[in-house]
């Protein structure tokens, strides 16, 4: 929360003093307008961006019937450091783009989701 007051967002007030400002800056407020299929990924141990926030956004996509998939990498932090996970993410991004941008046949994980 400290970043909101003094750093990147410069909100200068707490959520209790300016709730509308915080609400208007929340991605959840705008998820209804999203038209682009979204591929989200996160490290499960990320301490810079709370994984629960990514999950909340993903669940909002699902509730609204938007196209989106979330990849959650266990034992990873904000940046993926395991080379196997780095390769997996790179491959999935390319497959995502191949389908949504080039019109190629979708991979199973895009069509059926990930368990």
N, C-alpha and C. Protein backbone atom coordinates (compact mmCIF):
# COMPACT_ATOMS: atom_id res chain seq x y z
N UNK A 1 0.81 -1.20 0.00
CA UNK A 1 0.00 0.00 0.00
C UNK A 1 0.85 1.27 0.00
N UNK A 2 2.09 1.18 0.49
CA UNK A 2 2.92 2.38 0.57
C UNK A 2 3.17 2.98 -0.80
N UNK A 3 3.22 2.16 -1.85
CA UNK A 3 3.47 2.68 -3.19
C UNK A 3 2.34 3.59 -3.67
N UNK A 4 1.14 3.32 -3.23
CA UNK A 4 0.02 4.14 -3.68
C UNK A 4 0.16 5.58 -3.21
N UNK A 5 0.66 5.76 -2.02
CA UNK A 5 0.74 7.11 -1.46
C UNK A 5 1.90 7.94 -1.95
N UNK A 6 3.05 7.31 -2.20
CA UNK A 6 4.24 8.12 -2.48
C UNK A 6 4.99 7.75 -3.74
N UNK A 7 4.76 6.59 -4.27
CA UNK A 7 5.60 6.13 -5.39
C UNK A 7 4.86 6.20 -6.71
N UNK A 8 4.79 5.07 -7.37
CA UNK A 8 4.34 4.97 -8.74
C UNK A 8 2.97 5.61 -8.99
N UNK A 9 2.03 5.44 -8.10
CA UNK A 9 0.67 5.91 -8.37
C UNK A 9 0.40 7.30 -7.80
N UNK A 10 1.14 7.74 -6.84
CA UNK A 10 0.99 9.07 -6.23
C UNK A 10 -0.46 9.42 -5.91
N UNK A 11 -1.13 8.53 -5.24
CA UNK A 11 -2.53 8.76 -4.90
C UNK A 11 -2.66 9.84 -3.82
N UNK A 12 -1.69 9.95 -2.95
CA UNK A 12 -1.59 10.98 -1.91
C UNK A 12 -2.67 10.90 -0.82
N UNK A 13 -3.61 10.01 -0.97
CA UNK A 13 -4.64 9.81 0.05
C UNK A 13 -4.83 8.31 0.25
N UNK A 14 -5.38 7.96 1.38
CA UNK A 14 -5.63 6.55 1.66
C UNK A 14 -6.92 6.11 0.94
N UNK A 15 -7.13 4.81 0.82
CA UNK A 15 -8.38 4.33 0.23
C UNK A 15 -9.61 4.79 1.01
N UNK A 16 -9.44 5.11 2.27
CA UNK A 16 -10.56 5.55 3.09
C UNK A 16 -10.88 7.03 2.86
N UNK A 17 -9.86 7.77 2.46
CA UNK A 17 -10.05 9.20 2.19
C UNK A 17 -10.54 9.46 0.77
N UNK A 18 -10.14 8.59 -0.16
CA UNK A 18 -10.49 8.80 -1.58
C UNK A 18 -10.88 7.47 -2.24
N UNK A 19 -11.94 6.83 -1.76
CA UNK A 19 -12.30 5.51 -2.28
C UNK A 19 -12.60 5.51 -3.79
N UNK A 20 -13.20 6.58 -4.30
CA UNK A 20 -13.52 6.62 -5.72
C UNK A 20 -12.27 6.63 -6.60
N UNK A 21 -11.23 7.29 -6.13
CA UNK A 21 -9.97 7.31 -6.89
C UNK A 21 -9.36 5.92 -6.98
N UNK A 22 -9.41 5.20 -5.88
CA UNK A 22 -8.87 3.85 -5.88
C UNK A 22 -9.73 2.93 -6.74
N UNK A 23 -11.02 3.07 -6.65
CA UNK A 23 -11.92 2.25 -7.44
C UNK A 23 -11.72 2.49 -8.93
N UNK A 24 -11.58 3.74 -9.33
CA UNK A 24 -11.41 4.04 -10.75
C UNK A 24 -10.06 3.57 -11.29
N UNK A 25 -9.09 3.35 -10.41
CA UNK A 25 -7.78 2.86 -10.82
C UNK A 25 -7.67 1.34 -10.74
N UNK A 26 -8.71 0.67 -10.31
CA UNK A 26 -8.69 -0.78 -10.18
C UNK A 26 -8.98 -1.45 -11.52
N UNK A 27 -8.15 -2.41 -11.94
CA UNK A 27 -8.45 -3.16 -13.16
C UNK A 27 -9.80 -3.87 -13.09
N UNK A 28 -10.21 -4.27 -11.90
CA UNK A 28 -11.50 -4.96 -11.76
C UNK A 28 -12.67 -4.07 -12.18
N UNK A 29 -12.52 -2.77 -11.99
CA UNK A 29 -13.57 -1.84 -12.38
C UNK A 29 -13.80 -1.83 -13.88
N UNK A 30 -12.76 -2.13 -14.64
CA UNK A 30 -12.81 -2.00 -16.09
C UNK A 30 -12.85 -3.34 -16.84
N UNK A 31 -12.88 -4.43 -16.12
CA UNK A 31 -12.80 -5.75 -16.77
C UNK A 31 -13.99 -6.00 -17.71
N UNK A 32 -15.12 -5.39 -17.44
CA UNK A 32 -16.30 -5.58 -18.31
C UNK A 32 -16.04 -5.08 -19.73
N UNK A 33 -15.18 -4.08 -19.89
CA UNK A 33 -14.91 -3.52 -21.21
C UNK A 33 -13.85 -4.32 -21.99
N UNK A 34 -13.21 -5.25 -21.36
CA UNK A 34 -12.13 -6.00 -22.00
C UNK A 34 -12.67 -6.81 -23.17
N UNK A 35 -12.05 -6.65 -24.33
CA UNK A 35 -12.45 -7.39 -25.53
C UNK A 35 -11.36 -8.37 -25.99
N UNK A 36 -10.13 -8.13 -25.60
CA UNK A 36 -9.00 -8.91 -26.06
C UNK A 36 -8.81 -10.16 -25.20
N UNK A 37 -8.65 -11.34 -25.81
CA UNK A 37 -8.33 -12.53 -25.01
C UNK A 37 -7.06 -12.28 -24.21
N UNK A 38 -7.07 -12.66 -22.93
CA UNK A 38 -5.98 -12.31 -22.04
C UNK A 38 -5.29 -13.55 -21.46
N UNK A 39 -3.99 -13.59 -21.62
CA UNK A 39 -3.17 -14.63 -21.01
C UNK A 39 -2.45 -14.01 -19.83
N UNK A 40 -2.79 -14.48 -18.64
CA UNK A 40 -2.17 -13.99 -17.40
C UNK A 40 -1.18 -15.02 -16.90
N UNK A 41 -0.11 -14.57 -16.27
CA UNK A 41 0.78 -15.50 -15.58
C UNK A 41 1.32 -14.83 -14.34
N UNK A 42 1.65 -15.67 -13.37
CA UNK A 42 2.19 -15.17 -12.11
C UNK A 42 3.00 -16.26 -11.44
N UNK A 43 3.96 -15.82 -10.64
CA UNK A 43 4.65 -16.74 -9.76
C UNK A 43 3.85 -16.86 -8.47
N UNK A 44 3.65 -18.06 -8.01
CA UNK A 44 2.81 -18.26 -6.82
C UNK A 44 3.39 -17.59 -5.58
N UNK A 45 4.71 -17.39 -5.55
CA UNK A 45 5.36 -16.77 -4.39
C UNK A 45 5.72 -15.31 -4.63
N UNK A 46 5.06 -14.68 -5.57
CA UNK A 46 5.33 -13.27 -5.89
C UNK A 46 4.97 -12.40 -4.69
N UNK A 47 5.90 -11.60 -4.21
CA UNK A 47 5.62 -10.68 -3.10
C UNK A 47 5.51 -9.24 -3.58
N UNK A 48 5.74 -9.01 -4.87
CA UNK A 48 5.58 -7.65 -5.40
C UNK A 48 4.15 -7.40 -5.86
N UNK A 49 3.54 -8.41 -6.47
CA UNK A 49 2.14 -8.33 -6.86
C UNK A 49 1.45 -9.53 -6.22
N UNK A 50 0.54 -9.27 -5.32
CA UNK A 50 -0.14 -10.33 -4.60
C UNK A 50 -0.86 -11.24 -5.59
N UNK A 51 -0.53 -12.52 -5.54
CA UNK A 51 -1.13 -13.49 -6.45
C UNK A 51 -2.65 -13.48 -6.37
N UNK A 52 -3.18 -13.17 -5.20
CA UNK A 52 -4.64 -13.13 -5.05
C UNK A 52 -5.27 -12.07 -5.96
N UNK A 53 -4.56 -10.99 -6.22
CA UNK A 53 -5.09 -9.96 -7.12
C UNK A 53 -5.18 -10.49 -8.55
N UNK A 54 -4.18 -11.25 -8.97
CA UNK A 54 -4.23 -11.86 -10.30
C UNK A 54 -5.37 -12.86 -10.38
N UNK A 55 -5.55 -13.64 -9.33
CA UNK A 55 -6.65 -14.61 -9.30
C UNK A 55 -8.01 -13.91 -9.33
N UNK A 56 -8.13 -12.82 -8.61
CA UNK A 56 -9.39 -12.06 -8.62
C UNK A 56 -9.71 -11.56 -10.03
N UNK A 57 -8.70 -11.08 -10.73
CA UNK A 57 -8.92 -10.58 -12.08
C UNK A 57 -9.31 -11.74 -13.00
N UNK A 58 -8.62 -12.86 -12.88
CA UNK A 58 -8.93 -14.04 -13.68
C UNK A 58 -10.37 -14.51 -13.42
N UNK A 59 -10.76 -14.56 -12.15
CA UNK A 59 -12.12 -14.98 -11.82
C UNK A 59 -13.15 -14.00 -12.37
N UNK A 60 -12.83 -12.72 -12.37
CA UNK A 60 -13.73 -11.73 -12.96
C UNK A 60 -13.90 -12.00 -14.45
N UNK A 61 -12.81 -12.32 -15.14
CA UNK A 61 -12.89 -12.67 -16.56
C UNK A 61 -13.84 -13.84 -16.77
N UNK A 62 -13.67 -14.86 -15.94
CA UNK A 62 -14.52 -16.07 -16.07
C UNK A 62 -15.98 -15.76 -15.79
N UNK A 63 -16.23 -14.99 -14.74
CA UNK A 63 -17.62 -14.66 -14.40
C UNK A 63 -18.31 -13.90 -15.52
N UNK A 64 -17.54 -13.09 -16.25
CA UNK A 64 -18.10 -12.29 -17.33
C UNK A 64 -18.06 -13.01 -18.69
N UNK A 65 -17.57 -14.24 -18.69
CA UNK A 65 -17.52 -15.00 -19.94
C UNK A 65 -16.47 -14.51 -20.92
N UNK A 66 -15.44 -13.84 -20.40
CA UNK A 66 -14.35 -13.33 -21.24
C UNK A 66 -13.34 -14.45 -21.49
N UNK A 67 -12.65 -14.38 -22.61
CA UNK A 67 -11.63 -15.37 -22.91
C UNK A 67 -10.36 -15.01 -22.17
N UNK A 68 -9.93 -15.92 -21.30
CA UNK A 68 -8.71 -15.70 -20.55
C UNK A 68 -8.23 -16.96 -19.89
N UNK A 69 -6.95 -17.09 -19.78
CA UNK A 69 -6.32 -18.22 -19.09
C UNK A 69 -5.25 -17.65 -18.18
N UNK A 70 -5.15 -18.25 -16.99
CA UNK A 70 -4.11 -17.83 -16.05
C UNK A 70 -3.14 -18.99 -15.81
N UNK A 71 -1.87 -18.69 -15.95
CA UNK A 71 -0.81 -19.64 -15.66
C UNK A 71 -0.22 -19.25 -14.31
N UNK A 72 -0.21 -20.19 -13.39
CA UNK A 72 0.33 -19.93 -12.05
C UNK A 72 1.49 -20.88 -11.83
N UNK A 73 2.67 -20.31 -11.68
CA UNK A 73 3.89 -21.10 -11.56
C UNK A 73 4.29 -21.24 -10.09
N UNK A 74 4.20 -22.47 -9.55
CA UNK A 74 4.60 -22.68 -8.15
C UNK A 74 6.11 -22.43 -7.99
N UNK A 75 6.50 -22.05 -6.82
CA UNK A 75 7.92 -21.83 -6.48
C UNK A 75 8.58 -20.75 -7.32
N UNK A 76 7.79 -19.85 -7.88
CA UNK A 76 8.34 -18.72 -8.62
C UNK A 76 7.90 -17.43 -7.95
N UNK A 77 8.69 -16.39 -8.17
CA UNK A 77 8.38 -15.10 -7.59
C UNK A 77 7.87 -14.18 -8.70
N UNK A 78 8.20 -12.89 -8.64
CA UNK A 78 7.69 -11.92 -9.62
C UNK A 78 8.21 -12.22 -11.02
N UNK A 79 9.47 -12.59 -11.12
CA UNK A 79 10.07 -13.00 -12.39
C UNK A 79 10.34 -14.50 -12.33
N UNK A 80 10.06 -15.18 -13.42
CA UNK A 80 10.31 -16.62 -13.44
C UNK A 80 11.81 -16.87 -13.53
N UNK A 81 12.33 -17.66 -12.61
CA UNK A 81 13.78 -17.91 -12.59
C UNK A 81 14.13 -19.34 -13.01
N UNK A 82 13.19 -20.25 -12.95
CA UNK A 82 13.44 -21.63 -13.35
C UNK A 82 13.42 -21.70 -14.87
N UNK A 83 14.52 -22.17 -15.49
CA UNK A 83 14.58 -22.23 -16.96
C UNK A 83 13.45 -23.07 -17.58
N UNK A 84 13.01 -24.11 -16.90
CA UNK A 84 11.91 -24.92 -17.42
C UNK A 84 10.64 -24.09 -17.50
N UNK A 85 10.37 -23.30 -16.46
CA UNK A 85 9.19 -22.45 -16.46
C UNK A 85 9.31 -21.31 -17.46
N UNK A 86 10.52 -20.78 -17.62
CA UNK A 86 10.73 -19.72 -18.61
C UNK A 86 10.42 -20.23 -20.01
N UNK A 87 10.89 -21.44 -20.31
CA UNK A 87 10.62 -22.03 -21.62
C UNK A 87 9.14 -22.32 -21.79
N UNK A 88 8.51 -22.84 -20.73
CA UNK A 88 7.07 -23.13 -20.80
C UNK A 88 6.29 -21.86 -21.09
N UNK A 89 6.58 -20.79 -20.38
CA UNK A 89 5.86 -19.54 -20.57
C UNK A 89 6.09 -19.00 -21.98
N UNK A 90 7.33 -19.01 -22.44
CA UNK A 90 7.64 -18.52 -23.79
C UNK A 90 6.87 -19.31 -24.84
N UNK A 91 6.88 -20.64 -24.71
CA UNK A 91 6.15 -21.48 -25.66
C UNK A 91 4.66 -21.17 -25.65
N UNK A 92 4.09 -21.00 -24.46
CA UNK A 92 2.65 -20.74 -24.36
C UNK A 92 2.29 -19.36 -24.93
N UNK A 93 3.14 -18.37 -24.69
CA UNK A 93 2.88 -17.04 -25.27
C UNK A 93 2.88 -17.14 -26.80
N UNK A 94 3.85 -17.83 -27.36
CA UNK A 94 3.91 -17.98 -28.82
C UNK A 94 2.69 -18.73 -29.35
N UNK A 95 2.26 -19.78 -28.64
CA UNK A 95 1.08 -20.53 -29.05
C UNK A 95 -0.18 -19.66 -28.97
N UNK A 96 -0.26 -18.84 -27.92
CA UNK A 96 -1.39 -17.92 -27.74
C UNK A 96 -1.46 -16.94 -28.91
N UNK A 97 -0.31 -16.34 -29.24
CA UNK A 97 -0.26 -15.40 -30.36
C UNK A 97 -0.55 -16.10 -31.69
N UNK A 98 -0.01 -17.32 -31.86
CA UNK A 98 -0.26 -18.06 -33.10
C UNK A 98 -1.75 -18.26 -33.31
N UNK A 99 -2.49 -18.53 -32.25
CA UNK A 99 -3.92 -18.75 -32.38
C UNK A 99 -4.69 -17.44 -32.54
N UNK A 100 -4.48 -16.50 -31.61
CA UNK A 100 -5.30 -15.30 -31.61
C UNK A 100 -4.87 -14.24 -32.63
N UNK A 101 -3.62 -14.25 -33.03
CA UNK A 101 -3.16 -13.25 -34.00
C UNK A 101 -3.00 -13.81 -35.42
N UNK A 102 -2.60 -15.08 -35.51
CA UNK A 102 -2.35 -15.66 -36.83
C UNK A 102 -3.45 -16.60 -37.30
N UNK A 103 -4.36 -16.97 -36.38
CA UNK A 103 -5.45 -17.86 -36.77
C UNK A 103 -5.06 -19.32 -36.90
N UNK A 104 -3.93 -19.71 -36.32
CA UNK A 104 -3.53 -21.12 -36.34
C UNK A 104 -4.44 -21.95 -35.45
N UNK A 105 -4.39 -23.25 -35.61
CA UNK A 105 -5.17 -24.16 -34.78
C UNK A 105 -4.74 -24.00 -33.32
N UNK A 106 -5.71 -23.91 -32.40
CA UNK A 106 -5.33 -23.72 -31.00
C UNK A 106 -4.76 -24.99 -30.39
N UNK A 107 -3.82 -24.80 -29.48
CA UNK A 107 -3.30 -25.92 -28.69
C UNK A 107 -4.40 -26.35 -27.72
N UNK A 108 -4.31 -27.60 -27.25
CA UNK A 108 -5.31 -28.13 -26.33
C UNK A 108 -5.50 -27.26 -25.09
N UNK A 109 -4.40 -26.73 -24.53
CA UNK A 109 -4.52 -25.95 -23.29
C UNK A 109 -5.29 -24.65 -23.53
N UNK A 110 -5.29 -24.15 -24.76
CA UNK A 110 -6.04 -22.94 -25.06
C UNK A 110 -7.52 -23.27 -25.19
N UNK A 111 -7.83 -24.38 -25.83
CA UNK A 111 -9.22 -24.78 -26.03
C UNK A 111 -9.87 -25.30 -24.75
N UNK A 112 -9.13 -26.11 -24.01
CA UNK A 112 -9.72 -26.82 -22.87
C UNK A 112 -9.34 -26.25 -21.51
N UNK A 113 -8.39 -25.33 -21.50
CA UNK A 113 -7.91 -24.79 -20.23
C UNK A 113 -6.83 -25.67 -19.63
N UNK A 114 -6.39 -25.28 -18.47
CA UNK A 114 -5.29 -25.97 -17.78
C UNK A 114 -5.79 -26.45 -16.45
N UNK A 115 -5.46 -27.66 -16.11
CA UNK A 115 -5.89 -28.22 -14.82
C UNK A 115 -4.86 -27.95 -13.75
